[in-house]
Structures are given as C-alpha cells and as structure tokens.
C-alpha cells in the first residue's frame, strides 16, 4: 500500500479475516520479520497486521527524514486502509512502543 505521500509501505496481514485488528510495531530498524515466532500466536484470535518502516524490509524508496511521528503517521495510514476507522489494538516493542504512543496521542 502507499502512504499518503505515496511512499510504498510493505504491509502484511495474517490471521482471522473477521477478527479484531492487532497492529504489531517492531523496534527500530527492524522489519516485520521481528515478529516471526510470536505473530503466529495471535493469529487464531486476531487479524494481525505488521508493516515495514520506511527503509526496512520491503518498504523501499527515497526515505527522506526518519522520525517517530512520521512512523506513527504511516501506522495510522495502514490502520485506516485496513480498518476503515474501526478500533484496533496496538502492541509495540522498543521504538515500536514509542510509535504507538505517538499514534495514540494523535
């Protein structure tokens, strides 16, 4: 999918199509692979969503400035695209927790 500014974000969705959405946010400079081995534990109950931050994993292109608020904006775009504005649960580790805080504050 594309972020609002057109940057291509690699998004992964697994688990129950009809389940509540759970967005997993990895630590700094990690791709969705960070969650391998844990993501699967949630898939029986949730629609599990991960995405690669700009410049990591499959999210490739001219990055520009990296920032936590920018990553939160990307996370919000992913959620809007997949949930249509419905509620979602978010779990982040390390920098992903910080991104989650910015996302919640906005």
PDB file of N, CA and C in Angstrom:
ATOM      1  N   UNK A   1       0.841  -1.175   0.000  1.00  0.00           N
ATOM      2  CA  UNK A   1       0.000   0.000   0.000  1.00  0.00           C
ATOM      3  C   UNK A   1       0.883   1.233   0.000  1.00  0.00           C
ATOM      4  N   UNK A   2       0.322   2.348  -0.308  1.00  0.00           N
ATOM      5  CA  UNK A   2       1.079   3.598  -0.330  1.00  0.00           C
ATOM      6  C   UNK A   2       0.675   4.478   0.841  1.00  0.00           C
ATOM      7  N   UNK A   3       1.675   5.103   1.458  1.00  0.00           N
ATOM      8  CA  UNK A   3       1.420   6.104   2.489  1.00  0.00           C
ATOM      9  C   UNK A   3       0.795   7.327   1.812  1.00  0.00           C
ATOM     10  N   UNK A   4       0.205   8.247   2.573  1.00  0.00           N
ATOM     11  CA  UNK A   4      -0.416   9.422   1.968  1.00  0.00           C
ATOM     12  C   UNK A   4       0.506  10.221   1.038  1.00  0.00           C
ATOM     13  N   UNK A   5       1.816  10.204   1.309  1.00  0.00           N
ATOM     14  CA  UNK A   5       2.746  10.915   0.432  1.00  0.00           C
ATOM     15  C   UNK A   5       3.221  10.056  -0.741  1.00  0.00           C
ATOM     16  N   UNK A   6       2.658   8.853  -0.878  1.00  0.00           N
ATOM     17  CA  UNK A   6       2.989   7.971  -1.990  1.00  0.00           C
ATOM     18  C   UNK A   6       4.090   6.974  -1.718  1.00  0.00           C
ATOM     19  N   UNK A   7       4.742   7.044  -0.568  1.00  0.00           N
ATOM     20  CA  UNK A   7       5.817   6.095  -0.257  1.00  0.00           C
ATOM     21  C   UNK A   7       5.228   4.691  -0.165  1.00  0.00           C
ATOM     22  N   UNK A   8       5.846   3.714  -0.842  1.00  0.00           N
ATOM     23  CA  UNK A   8       5.314   2.342  -0.798  1.00  0.00           C
ATOM     24  C   UNK A   8       5.652   1.627   0.509  1.00  0.00           C
ATOM     25  N   UNK A   9       4.625   1.269   1.250  1.00  0.00           N
ATOM     26  CA  UNK A   9       4.793   0.545   2.515  1.00  0.00           C
ATOM     27  C   UNK A   9       4.448  -0.923   2.306  1.00  0.00           C
ATOM     28  N   UNK A  10       5.338  -1.803   2.742  1.00  0.00           N
ATOM     29  CA  UNK A  10       5.079  -3.241   2.702  1.00  0.00           C
ATOM     30  C   UNK A  10       4.251  -3.604   3.928  1.00  0.00           C
ATOM     31  N   UNK A  11       3.050  -4.105   3.702  1.00  0.00           N
ATOM     32  CA  UNK A  11       2.112  -4.435   4.772  1.00  0.00           C
ATOM     33  C   UNK A  11       1.824  -5.927   4.716  1.00  0.00           C
ATOM     34  N   UNK A  12       1.780  -6.563   5.887  1.00  0.00           N
ATOM     35  CA  UNK A  12       1.484  -7.984   5.981  1.00  0.00           C
ATOM     36  C   UNK A  12       0.253  -8.162   6.862  1.00  0.00           C
ATOM     37  N   UNK A  13      -0.661  -9.004   6.405  1.00  0.00           N
ATOM     38  CA  UNK A  13      -1.886  -9.278   7.155  1.00  0.00           C
ATOM     39  C   UNK A  13      -2.042 -10.787   7.257  1.00  0.00           C
ATOM     40  N   UNK A  14      -2.314 -11.282   8.450  1.00  0.00           N
ATOM     41  CA  UNK A  14      -2.497 -12.717   8.670  1.00  0.00           C
ATOM     42  C   UNK A  14      -3.553 -12.917   9.751  1.00  0.00           C
ATOM     43  N   UNK A  15      -3.969 -14.149   9.912  1.00  0.00           N
ATOM     44  CA  UNK A  15      -4.919 -14.469  10.972  1.00  0.00           C
ATOM     45  C   UNK A  15      -6.353 -14.414  10.490  1.00  0.00           C
ATOM     46  N   UNK A  16      -7.256 -14.228  11.426  1.00  0.00           N
ATOM     47  CA  UNK A  16      -8.696 -14.252  11.152  1.00  0.00           C
ATOM     48  C   UNK A  16      -9.137 -13.005  10.397  1.00  0.00           C
ATOM     49  N   UNK A  17      -9.714 -13.196   9.235  1.00  0.00           N
ATOM     50  CA  UNK A  17     -10.208 -12.059   8.457  1.00  0.00           C
ATOM     51  C   UNK A  17     -11.301 -11.311   9.198  1.00  0.00           C
ATOM     52  N   UNK A  18     -12.058 -12.023  10.032  1.00  0.00           N
ATOM     53  CA  UNK A  18     -13.157 -11.394  10.767  1.00  0.00           C
ATOM     54  C   UNK A  18     -12.777 -11.046  12.209  1.00  0.00           C
ATOM     55  N   UNK A  19     -11.514 -11.207  12.556  1.00  0.00           N
ATOM     56  CA  UNK A  19     -11.084 -10.948  13.925  1.00  0.00           C
ATOM     57  C   UNK A  19     -10.787  -9.484  14.179  1.00  0.00           C
ATOM     58  N   UNK A  20     -10.689  -9.113  15.444  1.00  0.00           N
ATOM     59  CA  UNK A  20     -10.290  -7.745  15.769  1.00  0.00           C
ATOM     60  C   UNK A  20      -8.860  -7.504  15.286  1.00  0.00           C
ATOM     61  N   UNK A  21      -8.589  -6.291  14.853  1.00  0.00           N
ATOM     62  CA  UNK A  21      -7.274  -5.968  14.305  1.00  0.00           C
ATOM     63  C   UNK A  21      -6.273  -5.746  15.436  1.00  0.00           C
ATOM     64  N   UNK A  22      -5.100  -6.344  15.266  1.00  0.00           N
ATOM     65  CA  UNK A  22      -3.963  -6.157  16.163  1.00  0.00           C
ATOM     66  C   UNK A  22      -2.788  -5.708  15.309  1.00  0.00           C
ATOM     67  N   UNK A  23      -2.325  -4.476  15.514  1.00  0.00           N
ATOM     68  CA  UNK A  23      -1.166  -3.953  14.803  1.00  0.00           C
ATOM     69  C   UNK A  23       0.064  -4.148  15.673  1.00  0.00           C
ATOM     70  N   UNK A  24       1.067  -4.837  15.139  1.00  0.00           N
ATOM     71  CA  UNK A  24       2.328  -5.067  15.841  1.00  0.00           C
ATOM     72  C   UNK A  24       3.383  -4.131  15.277  1.00  0.00           C
ATOM     73  N   UNK A  25       4.013  -3.347  16.129  1.00  0.00           N
ATOM     74  CA  UNK A  25       5.032  -2.385  15.715  1.00  0.00           C
ATOM     75  C   UNK A  25       6.389  -2.824  16.245  1.00  0.00           C
ATOM     76  N   UNK A  26       7.301  -3.108  15.349  1.00  0.00           N
ATOM     77  CA  UNK A  26       8.632  -3.603  15.714  1.00  0.00           C
ATOM     78  C   UNK A  26       9.527  -2.485  16.230  1.00  0.00           C
ATOM     79  N   UNK A  27      10.655  -2.901  16.786  1.00  0.00           N
ATOM     80  CA  UNK A  27      11.653  -1.944  17.238  1.00  0.00           C
ATOM     81  C   UNK A  27      12.379  -1.298  16.065  1.00  0.00           C
ATOM     82  N   UNK A  28      13.170  -0.313  16.361  1.00  0.00           N
ATOM     83  CA  UNK A  28      13.870   0.491  15.360  1.00  0.00           C
ATOM     84  C   UNK A  28      14.676  -0.346  14.387  1.00  0.00           C
ATOM     85  N   UNK A  29      14.559  -0.007  13.119  1.00  0.00           N
ATOM     86  CA  UNK A  29      15.319  -0.601  12.021  1.00  0.00           C
ATOM     87  C   UNK A  29      15.000  -2.078  11.788  1.00  0.00           C
ATOM     88  N   UNK A  30      13.921  -2.572  12.374  1.00  0.00           N
ATOM     89  CA  UNK A  30      13.515  -3.955  12.168  1.00  0.00           C
ATOM     90  C   UNK A  30      12.326  -4.010  11.214  1.00  0.00           C
ATOM     91  N   UNK A  31      12.248  -5.090  10.477  1.00  0.00           N
ATOM     92  CA  UNK A  31      11.118  -5.310   9.585  1.00  0.00           C
ATOM     93  C   UNK A  31      10.081  -6.177  10.297  1.00  0.00           C
ATOM     94  N   UNK A  32       9.057  -6.560   9.557  1.00  0.00           N
ATOM     95  CA  UNK A  32       8.011  -7.428  10.109  1.00  0.00           C
ATOM     96  C   UNK A  32       8.571  -8.771  10.580  1.00  0.00           C
ATOM     97  N   UNK A  33       9.732  -9.149  10.086  1.00  0.00           N
ATOM     98  CA  UNK A  33      10.348 -10.422  10.468  1.00  0.00           C
ATOM     99  C   UNK A  33      10.626 -10.461  11.975  1.00  0.00           C
ATOM    100  N   UNK A  34      10.754  -9.277  12.580  1.00  0.00           N
ATOM    101  CA  UNK A  34      10.947  -9.155  14.035  1.00  0.00           C
ATOM    102  C   UNK A  34       9.921  -9.990  14.796  1.00  0.00           C
ATOM    103  N   UNK A  35       8.706 -10.096  14.252  1.00  0.00           N
ATOM    104  CA  UNK A  35       7.594 -10.743  14.944  1.00  0.00           C
ATOM    105  C   UNK A  35       7.471 -12.233  14.663  1.00  0.00           C
ATOM    106  N   UNK A  36       8.297 -12.786  13.775  1.00  0.00           N
ATOM    107  CA  UNK A  36       8.209 -14.202  13.447  1.00  0.00           C
ATOM    108  C   UNK A  36       8.401 -15.041  14.703  1.00  0.00           C
ATOM    109  N   UNK A  37       7.484 -15.965  14.909  1.00  0.00           N
ATOM    110  CA  UNK A  37       7.514 -16.815  16.091  1.00  0.00           C
ATOM    111  C   UNK A  37       6.555 -16.343  17.164  1.00  0.00           C
ATOM    112  N   UNK A  38       6.251 -15.052  17.169  1.00  0.00           N
ATOM    113  CA  UNK A  38       5.279 -14.515  18.118  1.00  0.00           C
ATOM    114  C   UNK A  38       3.968 -14.165  17.411  1.00  0.00           C
ATOM    115  N   UNK A  39       4.086 -13.578  16.219  1.00  0.00           N
ATOM    116  CA  UNK A  39       2.901 -13.187  15.446  1.00  0.00           C
ATOM    117  C   UNK A  39       1.928 -14.349  15.308  1.00  0.00           C
ATOM    118  N   UNK A  40       2.432 -15.520  15.056  1.00  0.00           N
ATOM    119  CA  UNK A  40       1.590 -16.687  14.832  1.00  0.00           C
ATOM    120  C   UNK A  40       0.732 -17.039  16.053  1.00  0.00           C
ATOM    121  N   UNK A  41       1.203 -16.683  17.233  1.00  0.00           N
ATOM    122  CA  UNK A  41       0.453 -16.974  18.456  1.00  0.00           C
ATOM    123  C   UNK A  41      -0.843 -16.166  18.556  1.00  0.00           C
ATOM    124  N   UNK A  42      -0.907 -15.055  17.834  1.00  0.00           N
ATOM    125  CA  UNK A  42      -2.081 -14.192  17.859  1.00  0.00           C
ATOM    126  C   UNK A  42      -3.081 -14.493  16.738  1.00  0.00           C
ATOM    127  N   UNK A  43      -2.655 -15.249  15.745  1.00  0.00           N
ATOM    128  CA  UNK A  43      -3.443 -15.389  14.514  1.00  0.00           C
ATOM    129  C   UNK A  43      -4.755 -16.146  14.675  1.00  0.00           C
ATOM    130  N   UNK A  44      -4.905 -16.963  15.699  1.00  0.00           N
ATOM    131  CA  UNK A  44      -6.176 -17.667  15.907  1.00  0.00           C
ATOM    132  C   UNK A  44      -7.276 -16.735  16.411  1.00  0.00           C
ATOM    133  N   UNK A  45      -6.882 -15.608  16.980  1.00  0.00           N
ATOM    134  CA  UNK A  45      -7.861 -14.711  17.601  1.00  0.00           C
ATOM    135  C   UNK A  45      -7.969 -13.349  16.923  1.00  0.00           C
ATOM    136  N   UNK A  46      -6.927 -12.928  16.214  1.00  0.00           N
ATOM    137  CA  UNK A  46      -6.866 -11.575  15.673  1.00  0.00           C
ATOM    138  C   UNK A  46      -6.587 -11.571  14.166  1.00  0.00           C
ATOM    139  N   UNK A  47      -6.901 -10.443  13.566  1.00  0.00           N
ATOM    140  CA  UNK A  47      -6.397 -10.111  12.234  1.00  0.00           C
ATOM    141  C   UNK A  47      -5.105  -9.350  12.515  1.00  0.00           C
ATOM    142  N   UNK A  48      -3.980 -10.021  12.353  1.00  0.00           N
ATOM    143  CA  UNK A  48      -2.684  -9.489  12.752  1.00  0.00           C
ATOM    144  C   UNK A  48      -2.066  -8.710  11.589  1.00  0.00           C
ATOM    145  N   UNK A  49      -1.686  -7.476  11.880  1.00  0.00           N
ATOM    146  CA  UNK A  49      -1.128  -6.585  10.865  1.00  0.00           C
ATOM    147  C   UNK A  49       0.270  -6.160  11.288  1.00  0.00           C
ATOM    148  N   UNK A  50       1.195  -6.244  10.354  1.00  0.00           N
ATOM    149  CA  UNK A  50       2.528  -5.687  10.535  1.00  0.00           C
ATOM    150  C   UNK A  50       2.844  -4.875   9.289  1.00  0.00           C
ATOM    151  N   UNK A  51       3.783  -3.979   9.412  1.00  0.00           N
ATOM    152  CA  UNK A  51       4.288  -3.294   8.225  1.00  0.00           C
ATOM    153  C   UNK A  51       5.747  -2.960   8.448  1.00  0.00           C
ATOM    154  N   UNK A  52       6.448  -2.779   7.342  1.00  0.00           N
ATOM    155  CA  UNK A  52       7.868  -2.443   7.406  1.00  0.00           C
ATOM    156  C   UNK A  52       8.011  -0.925   7.399  1.00  0.00           C
ATOM    157  N   UNK A  53       8.729  -0.400   8.397  1.00  0.00           N
ATOM    158  CA  UNK A  53       9.010   1.033   8.418  1.00  0.00           C
ATOM    159  C   UNK A  53       9.765   1.419   7.144  1.00  0.00           C
ATOM    160  N   UNK A  54       9.704   2.677   6.815  1.00  0.00           N
ATOM    161  CA  UNK A  54      10.420   3.181   5.638  1.00  0.00           C
ATOM    162  C   UNK A  54      11.898   2.806   5.709  1.00  0.00           C
ATOM    163  N   UNK A  55      12.401   2.266   4.615  1.00  0.00           N
ATOM    164  CA  UNK A  55      13.812   1.889   4.546  1.00  0.00           C
ATOM    165  C   UNK A  55      14.130   0.546   5.161  1.00  0.00           C
ATOM    166  N   UNK A  56      13.114  -0.203   5.632  1.00  0.00           N
ATOM    167  CA  UNK A  56      13.344  -1.535   6.190  1.00  0.00           C
ATOM    168  C   UNK A  56      12.515  -2.548   5.421  1.00  0.00           C
ATOM    169  N   UNK A  57      12.941  -3.794   5.454  1.00  0.00           N
ATOM    170  CA  UNK A  57      12.192  -4.868   4.809  1.00  0.00           C
ATOM    171  C   UNK A  57      11.808  -4.511   3.381  1.00  0.00           C
ATOM    172  N   UNK A  58      10.512  -4.639   3.075  1.00  0.00           N
ATOM    173  CA  UNK A  58      10.030  -4.374   1.731  1.00  0.00           C
ATOM    174  C   UNK A  58       9.597  -2.939   1.497  1.00  0.00           C
ATOM    175  N   UNK A  59       9.711  -2.064   2.483  1.00  0.00           N
ATOM    176  CA  UNK A  59       9.329  -0.652   2.315  1.00  0.00           C
ATOM    177  C   UNK A  59      10.541   0.130   1.825  1.00  0.00           C
ATOM    178  N   UNK A  60      10.701   0.159   0.526  1.00  0.00           N
ATOM    179  CA  UNK A  60      11.891   0.760  -0.080  1.00  0.00           C
ATOM    180  C   UNK A  60      11.521   1.941  -0.956  1.00  0.00           C
ATOM    181  N   UNK A  61      12.359   2.942  -0.921  1.00  0.00           N
ATOM    182  CA  UNK A  61      12.189   4.145  -1.707  1.00  0.00           C
ATOM    183  C   UNK A  61      12.990   5.249  -1.050  1.00  0.00           C
ATOM    184  N   UNK A  62      12.957   6.447  -1.617  1.00  0.00           N
ATOM    185  CA  UNK A  62      13.662   7.572  -1.000  1.00  0.00           C
ATOM    186  C   UNK A  62      13.017   7.921   0.341  1.00  0.00           C
ATOM    187  N   UNK A  63      13.730   7.706   1.421  1.00  0.00           N
ATOM    188  CA  UNK A  63      13.161   7.812   2.753  1.00  0.00           C
ATOM    189  C   UNK A  63      12.984   9.262   3.194  1.00  0.00           C
ATOM    190  N   UNK A  64      13.924  10.113   2.941  1.00  0.00           N
ATOM    191  CA  UNK A  64      13.846  11.467   3.480  1.00  0.00           C
ATOM    192  C   UNK A  64      14.187  11.442   4.954  1.00  0.00           C
ATOM    193  N   UNK A  65      13.442  12.180   5.748  1.00  0.00           N
ATOM    194  CA  UNK A  65      13.716  12.265   7.186  1.00  0.00           C
ATOM    195  C   UNK A  65      13.001  11.148   7.943  1.00  0.00           C
ATOM    196  N   UNK A  66      13.752  10.417   8.771  1.00  0.00           N
ATOM    197  CA  UNK A  66      13.149   9.420   9.648  1.00  0.00           C
ATOM    198  C   UNK A  66      12.704  10.114  10.925  1.00  0.00           C
ATOM    199  N   UNK A  67      11.506   9.792  11.393  1.00  0.00           N
ATOM    200  CA  UNK A  67      11.054  10.353  12.658  1.00  0.00           C
ATOM    201  C   UNK A  67       9.994   9.439  13.261  1.00  0.00           C
ATOM    202  N   UNK A  68       9.885   9.504  14.571  1.00  0.00           N
ATOM    203  CA  UNK A  68       8.844   8.734  15.245  1.00  0.00           C
ATOM    204  C   UNK A  68       7.451   9.220  14.842  1.00  0.00           C
ATOM    205  N   UNK A  69       7.210  10.530  14.802  1.00  0.00           N
ATOM    206  CA  UNK A  69       5.892  10.979  14.341  1.00  0.00           C
ATOM    207  C   UNK A  69       5.583  10.532  12.907  1.00  0.00           C
ATOM    208  N   UNK A  70       6.591  10.513  12.054  1.00  0.00           N
ATOM    209  CA  UNK A  70       6.384  10.043  10.682  1.00  0.00           C
ATOM    210  C   UNK A  70       6.016   8.570  10.639  1.00  0.00           C
ATOM    211  N   UNK A  71       6.655   7.775  11.480  1.00  0.00           N
ATOM    212  CA  UNK A  71       6.308   6.353  11.552  1.00  0.00           C
ATOM    213  C   UNK A  71       4.887   6.177  12.087  1.00  0.00           C
ATOM    214  N   UNK A  72       4.489   7.026  13.031  1.00  0.00           N
ATOM    215  CA  UNK A  72       3.119   6.973  13.549  1.00  0.00           C
ATOM    216  C   UNK A  72       2.121   7.347  12.453  1.00  0.00           C
ATOM    217  N   UNK A  73       2.473   8.322  11.627  1.00  0.00           N
ATOM    218  CA  UNK A  73       1.599   8.677  10.503  1.00  0.00           C
ATOM    219  C   UNK A  73       1.438   7.499   9.551  1.00  0.00           C
ATOM    220  N   UNK A  74       2.536   6.794   9.291  1.00  0.00           N
ATOM    221  CA  UNK A  74       2.459   5.612   8.422  1.00  0.00           C
ATOM    222  C   UNK A  74       1.593   4.530   9.057  1.00  0.00           C
ATOM    223  N   UNK A  75       1.754   4.322  10.356  1.00  0.00           N
ATOM    224  CA  UNK A  75       0.930   3.328  11.064  1.00  0.00           C
ATOM    225  C   UNK A  75      -0.543   3.705  10.978  1.00  0.00           C
ATOM    226  N   UNK A  76      -0.850   4.978  11.130  1.00  0.00           N
ATOM    227  CA  UNK A  76      -2.238   5.438  11.037  1.00  0.00           C
ATOM    228  C   UNK A  76      -2.797   5.186   9.642  1.00  0.00           C
ATOM    229  N   UNK A  77      -1.978   5.409   8.619  1.00  0.00           N
ATOM    230  CA  UNK A  77      -2.428   5.171   7.242  1.00  0.00           C
ATOM    231  C   UNK A  77      -2.722   3.694   7.016  1.00  0.00           C
ATOM    232  N   UNK A  78      -1.867   2.825   7.560  1.00  0.00           N
ATOM    233  CA  UNK A  78      -2.092   1.379   7.440  1.00  0.00           C
ATOM    234  C   UNK A  78      -3.407   1.008   8.123  1.00  0.00           C
ATOM    235  N   UNK A  79      -3.617   1.504   9.326  1.00  0.00           N
ATOM    236  CA  UNK A  79      -4.854   1.188  10.049  1.00  0.00           C
ATOM    237  C   UNK A  79      -6.087   1.707   9.321  1.00  0.00           C
ATOM    238  N   UNK A  80      -6.023   2.947   8.825  1.00  0.00           N
ATOM    239  CA  UNK A  80      -7.170   3.490   8.084  1.00  0.00           C
ATOM    240  C   UNK A  80      -7.500   2.626   6.879  1.00  0.00           C
ATOM    241  N   UNK A  81      -6.468   2.198   6.159  1.00  0.00           N
ATOM    242  CA  UNK A  81      -6.682   1.390   4.957  1.00  0.00           C
ATOM    243  C   UNK A  81      -7.291   0.032   5.285  1.00  0.00           C
ATOM    244  N   UNK A  82      -6.905  -0.545   6.410  1.00  0.00           N
ATOM    245  CA  UNK A  82      -7.347  -1.906   6.736  1.00  0.00           C
ATOM    246  C   UNK A  82      -8.580  -1.979   7.622  1.00  0.00           C
ATOM    247  N   UNK A  83      -8.864  -0.914   8.358  1.00  0.00           N
ATOM    248  CA  UNK A  83      -9.993  -0.981   9.289  1.00  0.00           C
ATOM    249  C   UNK A  83     -11.126  -0.031   8.924  1.00  0.00           C
ATOM    250  N   UNK A  84     -10.853   0.926   8.058  1.00  0.00           N
ATOM    251  CA  UNK A  84     -11.875   1.907   7.749  1.00  0.00           C
ATOM    252  C   UNK A  84     -12.233   2.768   8.946  1.00  0.00           C
ATOM    253  N   UNK A  85     -11.327   2.897   9.895  1.00  0.00           N
ATOM    254  CA  UNK A  85     -11.575   3.720  11.077  1.00  0.00           C
ATOM    255  C   UNK A  85     -12.102   2.965  12.281  1.00  0.00           C
ATOM    256  N   UNK A  86     -12.307   1.658  12.140  1.00  0.00           N
ATOM    257  CA  UNK A  86     -12.748   0.862  13.297  1.00  0.00           C
ATOM    258  C   UNK A  86     -11.606   0.749  14.316  1.00  0.00           C
ATOM    259  N   UNK A  87     -11.925   0.472  15.568  1.00  0.00           N
ATOM    260  CA  UNK A  87     -10.887   0.352  16.604  1.00  0.00           C
ATOM    261  C   UNK A  87      -9.907  -0.782  16.299  1.00  0.00           C
ATOM    262  N   UNK A  88      -8.711  -0.626  16.816  1.00  0.00           N
ATOM    263  CA  UNK A  88      -7.674  -1.649  16.685  1.00  0.00           C
ATOM    264  C   UNK A  88      -6.843  -1.652  17.958  1.00  0.00           C
ATOM    265  N   UNK A  89      -6.235  -2.786  18.238  1.00  0.00           N
ATOM    266  CA  UNK A  89      -5.276  -2.888  19.338  1.00  0.00           C
ATOM    267  C   UNK A  89      -3.887  -2.736  18.741  1.00  0.00           C
ATOM    268  N   UNK A  90      -2.989  -2.134  19.517  1.00  0.00           N
ATOM    269  CA  UNK A  90      -1.640  -1.893  19.024  1.00  0.00           C
ATOM    270  C   UNK A  90      -0.653  -2.353  20.090  1.00  0.00           C
ATOM    271  N   UNK A  91       0.368  -3.071  19.637  1.00  0.00           N
ATOM    272  CA  UNK A  91       1.417  -3.528  20.539  1.00  0.00           C
ATOM    273  C   UNK A  91       2.757  -3.221  19.891  1.00  0.00           C
ATOM    274  N   UNK A  92       3.606  -2.489  20.605  1.00  0.00           N
ATOM    275  CA  UNK A  92       4.917  -2.155  20.066  1.00  0.00           C
ATOM    276  C   UNK A  92       6.017  -2.493  21.043  1.00  0.00           C
ATOM    277  N   UNK A  93       7.163  -2.852  20.503  1.00  0.00           N
ATOM    278  CA  UNK A  93       8.342  -3.102  21.329  1.00  0.00           C
ATOM    279  C   UNK A  93       9.381  -2.036  21.018  1.00  0.00           C
ATOM    280  N   UNK A  94      10.097  -1.606  22.032  1.00  0.00           N
ATOM    281  CA  UNK A  94      11.170  -0.635  21.878  1.00  0.00           C
ATOM    282  C   UNK A  94      10.640   0.591  21.136  1.00  0.00           C
ATOM    283  N   UNK A  95      11.244   0.967  20.015  1.00  0.00           N
ATOM    284  CA  UNK A  95      10.774   2.129  19.275  1.00  0.00           C
ATOM    285  C   UNK A  95       9.324   1.959  18.831  1.00  0.00           C
ATOM    286  N   UNK A  96       8.895   0.725  18.596  1.00  0.00           N
ATOM    287  CA  UNK A  96       7.505   0.484  18.224  1.00  0.00           C
ATOM    288  C   UNK A  96       6.538   0.934  19.313  1.00  0.00           C
ATOM    289  N   UNK A  97       6.956   0.830  20.576  1.00  0.00           N
ATOM    290  CA  UNK A  97       6.146   1.338  21.673  1.00  0.00           C
ATOM    291  C   UNK A  97       6.050   2.856  21.630  1.00  0.00           C
ATOM    292  N   UNK A  98       7.128   3.478  21.261  1.00  0.00           N
ATOM    293  CA  UNK A  98       7.127   4.936  21.119  1.00  0.00           C
ATOM    294  C   UNK A  98       6.244   5.373  19.961  1.00  0.00           C
ATOM    295  N   UNK A  99       6.316   4.651  18.848  1.00  0.00           N
ATOM    296  CA  UNK A  99       5.440   4.932  17.703  1.00  0.00           C
ATOM    297  C   UNK A  99       3.990   4.775  18.144  1.00  0.00           C
ATOM    298  N   UNK A 100       3.689   3.737  18.915  1.00  0.00           N
ATOM    299  CA  UNK A 100       2.324   3.504  19.409  1.00  0.00           C
ATOM    300  C   UNK A 100       1.848   4.676  20.274  1.00  0.00           C
ATOM    301  N   UNK A 101       2.729   5.233  21.086  1.00  0.00           N
ATOM    302  CA  UNK A 101       2.359   6.377  21.920  1.00  0.00           C
ATOM    303  C   UNK A 101       2.014   7.595  21.068  1.00  0.00           C
ATOM    304  N   UNK A 102       2.812   7.863  20.050  1.00  0.00           N
ATOM    305  CA  UNK A 102       2.517   8.982  19.154  1.00  0.00           C
ATOM    306  C   UNK A 102       1.191   8.734  18.430  1.00  0.00           C
ATOM    307  N   UNK A 103       0.984   7.511  18.015  1.00  0.00           N
ATOM    308  CA  UNK A 103      -0.254   7.160  17.316  1.00  0.00           C
ATOM    309  C   UNK A 103      -1.464   7.379  18.223  1.00  0.00           C
ATOM    310  N   UNK A 104      -1.370   6.948  19.461  1.00  0.00           N
ATOM    311  CA  UNK A 104      -2.476   7.101  20.406  1.00  0.00           C
ATOM    312  C   UNK A 104      -2.721   8.582  20.731  1.00  0.00           C
ATOM    313  N   UNK A 105      -1.667   9.347  20.840  1.00  0.00           N
ATOM    314  CA  UNK A 105      -1.806  10.767  21.187  1.00  0.00           C
ATOM    315  C   UNK A 105      -2.474  11.562  20.069  1.00  0.00           C
ATOM    316  N   UNK A 106      -2.355  11.062  18.859  1.00  0.00           N
ATOM    317  CA  UNK A 106      -2.925  11.780  17.722  1.00  0.00           C
ATOM    318  C   UNK A 106      -4.351  11.355  17.512  1.00  0.00           C
TER     319      UNK A 106
END
